[in-house]
Amino acid sequence: MLKQSFTYQLASISEDAIKPAAKLFERRFGLDVQELRVLRLVGDQPGVNFTRLAEQTRFERSATSRILSRLIKTGLIRRELDEHDARQFRLFITDKGVALRSEADPLSLALEELILQALPEAERQQFRQSLDKLSDWLAHAFIGELSRRYPAEPARPRKRGKDA
């Protein structure tokens, strides 16, 4: 095994940051961080449809659907039929959702600052710039480069039975 790949390290850092924050958000607002992510995405994109929202959350569609149902039931999000396509619905944050978000967003920013407190200011700025570059690369060029370097190969048969 690799001593510690940077992707594993990123995942670990994310988990270490999110777990304690999630408990805080649940105690204060009654929502977990995934629900807050959905609330924020809907708030930032009034009228977003479910398909687009599910892509952006990066959760399984069924998980996004469950979260959305809960946010609708609690009155934080409302859905309306699309006037151009009755098979689609559009999502909007409610006044109650806006109020909750106005309390949760400052706490999110404060927690991020606390997490980054381990780095001097210059390193924080450099770290954020590096994250932006990496995000842009992954979103726009990585898949093409991956396909170019590692063309699709037939899948290896999986071993089955006792010897597997």
C-alpha atoms as a PDB file:
ATOM      1  CA  MET A   1       0.000   0.000   0.000  1.00  0.00           C
ATOM      2  CA  LEU A   2       1.144   3.537  -0.650  1.00  0.00           C
ATOM      3  CA  LYS A   3       2.498   5.140   2.482  1.00  0.00           C
ATOM      4  CA  GLN A   4      -0.220   7.778   2.275  1.00  0.00           C
ATOM      5  CA  SER A   5      -1.573   8.929  -1.041  1.00  0.00           C
ATOM      6  CA  PHE A   6      -2.658  12.545  -1.175  1.00  0.00           C
ATOM      7  CA  THR A   7      -6.210  11.514  -2.180  1.00  0.00           C
ATOM      8  CA  TYR A   8      -6.450   9.400   0.973  1.00  0.00           C
ATOM      9  CA  GLN A   9      -5.031  12.286   2.973  1.00  0.00           C
ATOM     10  CA  LEU A  10      -7.594  14.698   1.481  1.00  0.00           C
ATOM     11  CA  ALA A  11     -10.427  12.298   2.300  1.00  0.00           C
ATOM     12  CA  SER A  12      -9.120  11.917   5.856  1.00  0.00           C
ATOM     13  CA  ILE A  13      -8.790  15.668   6.335  1.00  0.00           C
ATOM     14  CA  SER A  14     -12.316  16.122   5.049  1.00  0.00           C
ATOM     15  CA  GLU A  15     -13.698  13.517   7.451  1.00  0.00           C
ATOM     16  CA  ASP A  16     -11.754  14.967  10.393  1.00  0.00           C
ATOM     17  CA  ALA A  17     -13.161  18.423   9.654  1.00  0.00           C
ATOM     18  CA  ILE A  18     -16.725  17.425   8.838  1.00  0.00           C
ATOM     19  CA  LYS A  19     -17.522  15.012  11.681  1.00  0.00           C
ATOM     20  CA  PRO A  20     -17.272  17.483  14.588  1.00  0.00           C
ATOM     21  CA  ALA A  21     -18.847  20.248  12.494  1.00  0.00           C
ATOM     22  CA  ALA A  22     -21.752  17.976  11.585  1.00  0.00           C
ATOM     23  CA  LYS A  23     -22.540  17.378  15.256  1.00  0.00           C
ATOM     24  CA  LEU A  24     -22.492  21.118  15.909  1.00  0.00           C
ATOM     25  CA  PHE A  25     -24.820  21.858  12.981  1.00  0.00           C
ATOM     26  CA  GLU A  26     -27.239  19.114  14.014  1.00  0.00           C
ATOM     27  CA  ARG A  27     -27.407  20.428  17.598  1.00  0.00           C
ATOM     28  CA  ARG A  28     -27.834  24.046  16.542  1.00  0.00           C
ATOM     29  CA  PHE A  29     -30.005  23.765  13.445  1.00  0.00           C
ATOM     30  CA  GLY A  30     -31.428  20.256  13.364  1.00  0.00           C
ATOM     31  CA  LEU A  31     -29.804  19.608   9.970  1.00  0.00           C
ATOM     32  CA  ASP A  32     -26.775  17.598   8.994  1.00  0.00           C
ATOM     33  CA  VAL A  33     -24.097  18.945   6.672  1.00  0.00           C
ATOM     34  CA  GLN A  34     -25.551  17.159   3.641  1.00  0.00           C
ATOM     35  CA  GLU A  35     -28.942  18.758   4.226  1.00  0.00           C
ATOM     36  CA  LEU A  36     -27.264  22.138   4.592  1.00  0.00           C
ATOM     37  CA  ARG A  37     -25.421  21.558   1.312  1.00  0.00           C
ATOM     38  CA  VAL A  38     -28.715  20.914  -0.478  1.00  0.00           C
ATOM     39  CA  LEU A  39     -30.312  23.947   1.172  1.00  0.00           C
ATOM     40  CA  ARG A  40     -27.407  26.147   0.073  1.00  0.00           C
ATOM     41  CA  LEU A  41     -27.421  24.829  -3.494  1.00  0.00           C
ATOM     42  CA  VAL A  42     -31.146  25.498  -3.836  1.00  0.00           C
ATOM     43  CA  GLY A  43     -30.754  28.925  -2.241  1.00  0.00           C
ATOM     44  CA  ASP A  44     -27.955  29.828  -4.638  1.00  0.00           C
ATOM     45  CA  GLN A  45     -29.919  28.661  -7.700  1.00  0.00           C
ATOM     46  CA  PRO A  46     -33.593  29.546  -7.386  1.00  0.00           C
ATOM     47  CA  GLY A  47     -35.614  27.274  -9.655  1.00  0.00           C
ATOM     48  CA  VAL A  48     -32.952  24.560  -9.956  1.00  0.00           C
ATOM     49  CA  ASN A  49     -34.367  21.215 -11.047  1.00  0.00           C
ATOM     50  CA  PHE A  50     -33.768  17.908  -9.281  1.00  0.00           C
ATOM     51  CA  THR A  51     -31.497  16.484 -11.991  1.00  0.00           C
ATOM     52  CA  ARG A  52     -29.092  19.418 -11.784  1.00  0.00           C
ATOM     53  CA  LEU A  53     -29.231  19.455  -7.986  1.00  0.00           C
ATOM     54  CA  ALA A  54     -28.453  15.736  -7.779  1.00  0.00           C
ATOM     55  CA  GLU A  55     -25.388  16.250 -10.006  1.00  0.00           C
ATOM     56  CA  GLN A  56     -24.144  19.101  -7.861  1.00  0.00           C
ATOM     57  CA  THR A  57     -24.573  17.415  -4.491  1.00  0.00           C
ATOM     58  CA  ARG A  58     -22.362  14.498  -5.542  1.00  0.00           C
ATOM     59  CA  PHE A  59     -24.583  12.217  -3.464  1.00  0.00           C
ATOM     60  CA  GLU A  60     -26.473   9.244  -4.822  1.00  0.00           C
ATOM     61  CA  ARG A  61     -29.728  10.371  -6.421  1.00  0.00           C
ATOM     62  CA  SER A  62     -31.741   8.459  -3.822  1.00  0.00           C
ATOM     63  CA  ALA A  63     -29.893  10.235  -1.000  1.00  0.00           C
ATOM     64  CA  THR A  64     -30.496  13.614  -2.625  1.00  0.00           C
ATOM     65  CA  SER A  65     -34.173  12.725  -2.987  1.00  0.00           C
ATOM     66  CA  ARG A  66     -34.500  11.754   0.701  1.00  0.00           C
ATOM     67  CA  ILE A  67     -32.742  14.934   1.809  1.00  0.00           C
ATOM     68  CA  LEU A  68     -34.905  17.051  -0.449  1.00  0.00           C
ATOM     69  CA  SER A  69     -38.086  15.399   0.866  1.00  0.00           C
ATOM     70  CA  ARG A  70     -37.065  16.188   4.438  1.00  0.00           C
ATOM     71  CA  LEU A  71     -36.260  19.825   3.594  1.00  0.00           C
ATOM     72  CA  ILE A  72     -39.627  20.192   1.865  1.00  0.00           C
ATOM     73  CA  LYS A  73     -41.485  18.603   4.814  1.00  0.00           C
ATOM     74  CA  THR A  74     -39.761  20.944   7.264  1.00  0.00           C
ATOM     75  CA  GLY A  75     -40.682  23.962   5.149  1.00  0.00           C
ATOM     76  CA  LEU A  76     -37.138  24.989   4.239  1.00  0.00           C
ATOM     77  CA  ILE A  77     -37.560  24.325   0.508  1.00  0.00           C
ATOM     78  CA  ARG A  78     -40.618  24.381  -1.717  1.00  0.00           C
ATOM     79  CA  ARG A  79     -41.094  22.798  -5.087  1.00  0.00           C
ATOM     80  CA  GLU A  80     -43.178  24.013  -7.988  1.00  0.00           C
ATOM     81  CA  LEU A  81     -44.096  22.354 -11.242  1.00  0.00           C
ATOM     82  CA  ASP A  82     -42.071  23.628 -14.173  1.00  0.00           C
ATOM     83  CA  GLU A  83     -44.372  25.790 -16.303  1.00  0.00           C
ATOM     84  CA  HIS A  84     -42.754  24.473 -19.508  1.00  0.00           C
ATOM     85  CA  ASP A  85     -42.486  20.777 -18.587  1.00  0.00           C
ATOM     86  CA  ALA A  86     -45.011  19.252 -16.190  1.00  0.00           C
ATOM     87  CA  ARG A  87     -42.716  16.254 -15.667  1.00  0.00           C
ATOM     88  CA  GLN A  88     -40.147  18.502 -13.986  1.00  0.00           C
ATOM     89  CA  PHE A  89     -40.289  20.566 -10.837  1.00  0.00           C
ATOM     90  CA  ARG A  90     -38.280  23.568  -9.742  1.00  0.00           C
ATOM     91  CA  LEU A  91     -36.888  24.071  -6.256  1.00  0.00           C
ATOM     92  CA  PHE A  92     -36.843  27.257  -4.202  1.00  0.00           C
ATOM     93  CA  ILE A  93     -35.629  28.123  -0.726  1.00  0.00           C
ATOM     94  CA  THR A  94     -38.376  29.427   1.573  1.00  0.00           C
ATOM     95  CA  ASP A  95     -38.172  32.386   3.946  1.00  0.00           C
ATOM     96  CA  LYS A  96     -37.694  29.873   6.760  1.00  0.00           C
ATOM     97  CA  GLY A  97     -34.799  28.326   4.801  1.00  0.00           C
ATOM     98  CA  VAL A  98     -33.239  31.742   4.193  1.00  0.00           C
ATOM     99  CA  ALA A  99     -33.445  32.503   7.921  1.00  0.00           C
ATOM    100  CA  LEU A 100     -31.799  29.208   8.872  1.00  0.00           C
ATOM    101  CA  ARG A 101     -29.107  29.702   6.283  1.00  0.00           C
ATOM    102  CA  SER A 102     -28.383  33.222   7.547  1.00  0.00           C
ATOM    103  CA  GLU A 103     -27.448  31.622  10.867  1.00  0.00           C
ATOM    104  CA  ALA A 104     -25.646  28.559   9.490  1.00  0.00           C
ATOM    105  CA  ASP A 105     -23.466  30.232   6.845  1.00  0.00           C
ATOM    106  CA  PRO A 106     -21.495  32.449   9.268  1.00  0.00           C
ATOM    107  CA  LEU A 107     -20.847  29.403  11.448  1.00  0.00           C
ATOM    108  CA  SER A 108     -19.543  27.499   8.399  1.00  0.00           C
ATOM    109  CA  LEU A 109     -17.151  30.322   7.577  1.00  0.00           C
ATOM    110  CA  ALA A 110     -15.985  30.547  11.196  1.00  0.00           C
ATOM    111  CA  LEU A 111     -15.328  26.786  11.278  1.00  0.00           C
ATOM    112  CA  GLU A 112     -13.342  26.962   8.049  1.00  0.00           C
ATOM    113  CA  GLU A 113     -11.224  29.746   9.498  1.00  0.00           C
ATOM    114  CA  LEU A 114     -10.688  27.656  12.623  1.00  0.00           C
ATOM    115  CA  ILE A 115      -9.616  24.660  10.515  1.00  0.00           C
ATOM    116  CA  LEU A 116      -7.164  26.795   8.560  1.00  0.00           C
ATOM    117  CA  GLN A 117      -5.810  28.407  11.725  1.00  0.00           C
ATOM    118  CA  ALA A 118      -2.985  25.857  11.604  1.00  0.00           C
ATOM    119  CA  LEU A 119      -1.580  27.696   8.567  1.00  0.00           C
ATOM    120  CA  PRO A 120      -0.099  31.195   8.498  1.00  0.00           C
ATOM    121  CA  GLU A 121      -2.121  33.669   6.415  1.00  0.00           C
ATOM    122  CA  ALA A 122       0.191  33.481   3.393  1.00  0.00           C
ATOM    123  CA  GLU A 123      -0.063  29.694   3.364  1.00  0.00           C
ATOM    124  CA  ARG A 124      -3.875  29.894   3.688  1.00  0.00           C
ATOM    125  CA  GLN A 125      -4.054  32.044   0.569  1.00  0.00           C
ATOM    126  CA  GLN A 126      -1.664  29.767  -1.305  1.00  0.00           C
ATOM    127  CA  PHE A 127      -3.623  26.697  -0.168  1.00  0.00           C
ATOM    128  CA  ARG A 128      -6.915  28.170  -1.436  1.00  0.00           C
ATOM    129  CA  GLN A 129      -5.299  29.097  -4.764  1.00  0.00           C
ATOM    130  CA  SER A 130      -3.938  25.565  -5.091  1.00  0.00           C
ATOM    131  CA  LEU A 131      -7.367  24.100  -4.315  1.00  0.00           C
ATOM    132  CA  ASP A 132      -8.935  26.350  -6.983  1.00  0.00           C
ATOM    133  CA  LYS A 133      -6.369  25.214  -9.563  1.00  0.00           C
ATOM    134  CA  LEU A 134      -6.825  21.567  -8.671  1.00  0.00           C
ATOM    135  CA  SER A 135     -10.633  21.859  -8.800  1.00  0.00           C
ATOM    136  CA  ASP A 136     -10.471  23.530 -12.199  1.00  0.00           C
ATOM    137  CA  TRP A 137      -8.079  20.870 -13.543  1.00  0.00           C
ATOM    138  CA  LEU A 138     -10.286  18.038 -12.287  1.00  0.00           C
ATOM    139  CA  ALA A 139     -13.432  19.646 -13.689  1.00  0.00           C
ATOM    140  CA  HIS A 140     -12.072  20.481 -17.132  1.00  0.00           C
ATOM    141  CA  ALA A 141      -8.991  18.553 -18.190  1.00  0.00           C
ATOM    142  CA  PHE A 142      -8.327  15.591 -15.933  1.00  0.00           C
ATOM    143  CA  ILE A 143     -10.781  13.102 -17.480  1.00  0.00           C
ATOM    144  CA  GLY A 144      -9.475  13.799 -20.983  1.00  0.00           C
ATOM    145  CA  GLU A 145      -5.874  13.366 -19.878  1.00  0.00           C
ATOM    146  CA  LEU A 146      -6.748  10.215 -17.946  1.00  0.00           C
ATOM    147  CA  SER A 147      -8.404   8.725 -21.049  1.00  0.00           C
ATOM    148  CA  ARG A 148      -5.438   9.711 -23.216  1.00  0.00           C
ATOM    149  CA  ARG A 149      -2.877   8.134 -20.891  1.00  0.00           C
ATOM    150  CA  TYR A 150      -4.910   5.073 -19.964  1.00  0.00           C
ATOM    151  CA  PRO A 151      -7.164   4.108 -22.875  1.00  0.00           C
ATOM    152  CA  ALA A 152     -10.092   1.884 -22.017  1.00  0.00           C
ATOM    153  CA  GLU A 153      -9.054  -1.711 -21.583  1.00  0.00           C
ATOM    154  CA  PRO A 154     -11.316  -4.734 -21.361  1.00  0.00           C
ATOM    155  CA  ALA A 155     -12.288  -5.479 -17.777  1.00  0.00           C
ATOM    156  CA  ARG A 156     -10.388  -8.290 -16.134  1.00  0.00           C
ATOM    157  CA  PRO A 157     -12.547 -11.223 -15.133  1.00  0.00           C
ATOM    158  CA  ARG A 158     -13.198 -11.312 -11.407  1.00  0.00           C
ATOM    159  CA  LYS A 159     -12.125 -14.363  -9.482  1.00  0.00           C
ATOM    160  CA  ARG A 160     -14.987 -16.264  -7.917  1.00  0.00           C
ATOM    161  CA  GLY A 161     -15.282 -19.135  -5.530  1.00  0.00           C
ATOM    162  CA  LYS A 162     -13.175 -20.309  -2.627  1.00  0.00           C
ATOM    163  CA  ASP A 163      -9.879 -19.301  -4.200  1.00  0.00           C
ATOM    164  CA  ALA A 164     -10.900 -15.647  -4.644  1.00  0.00           C
END
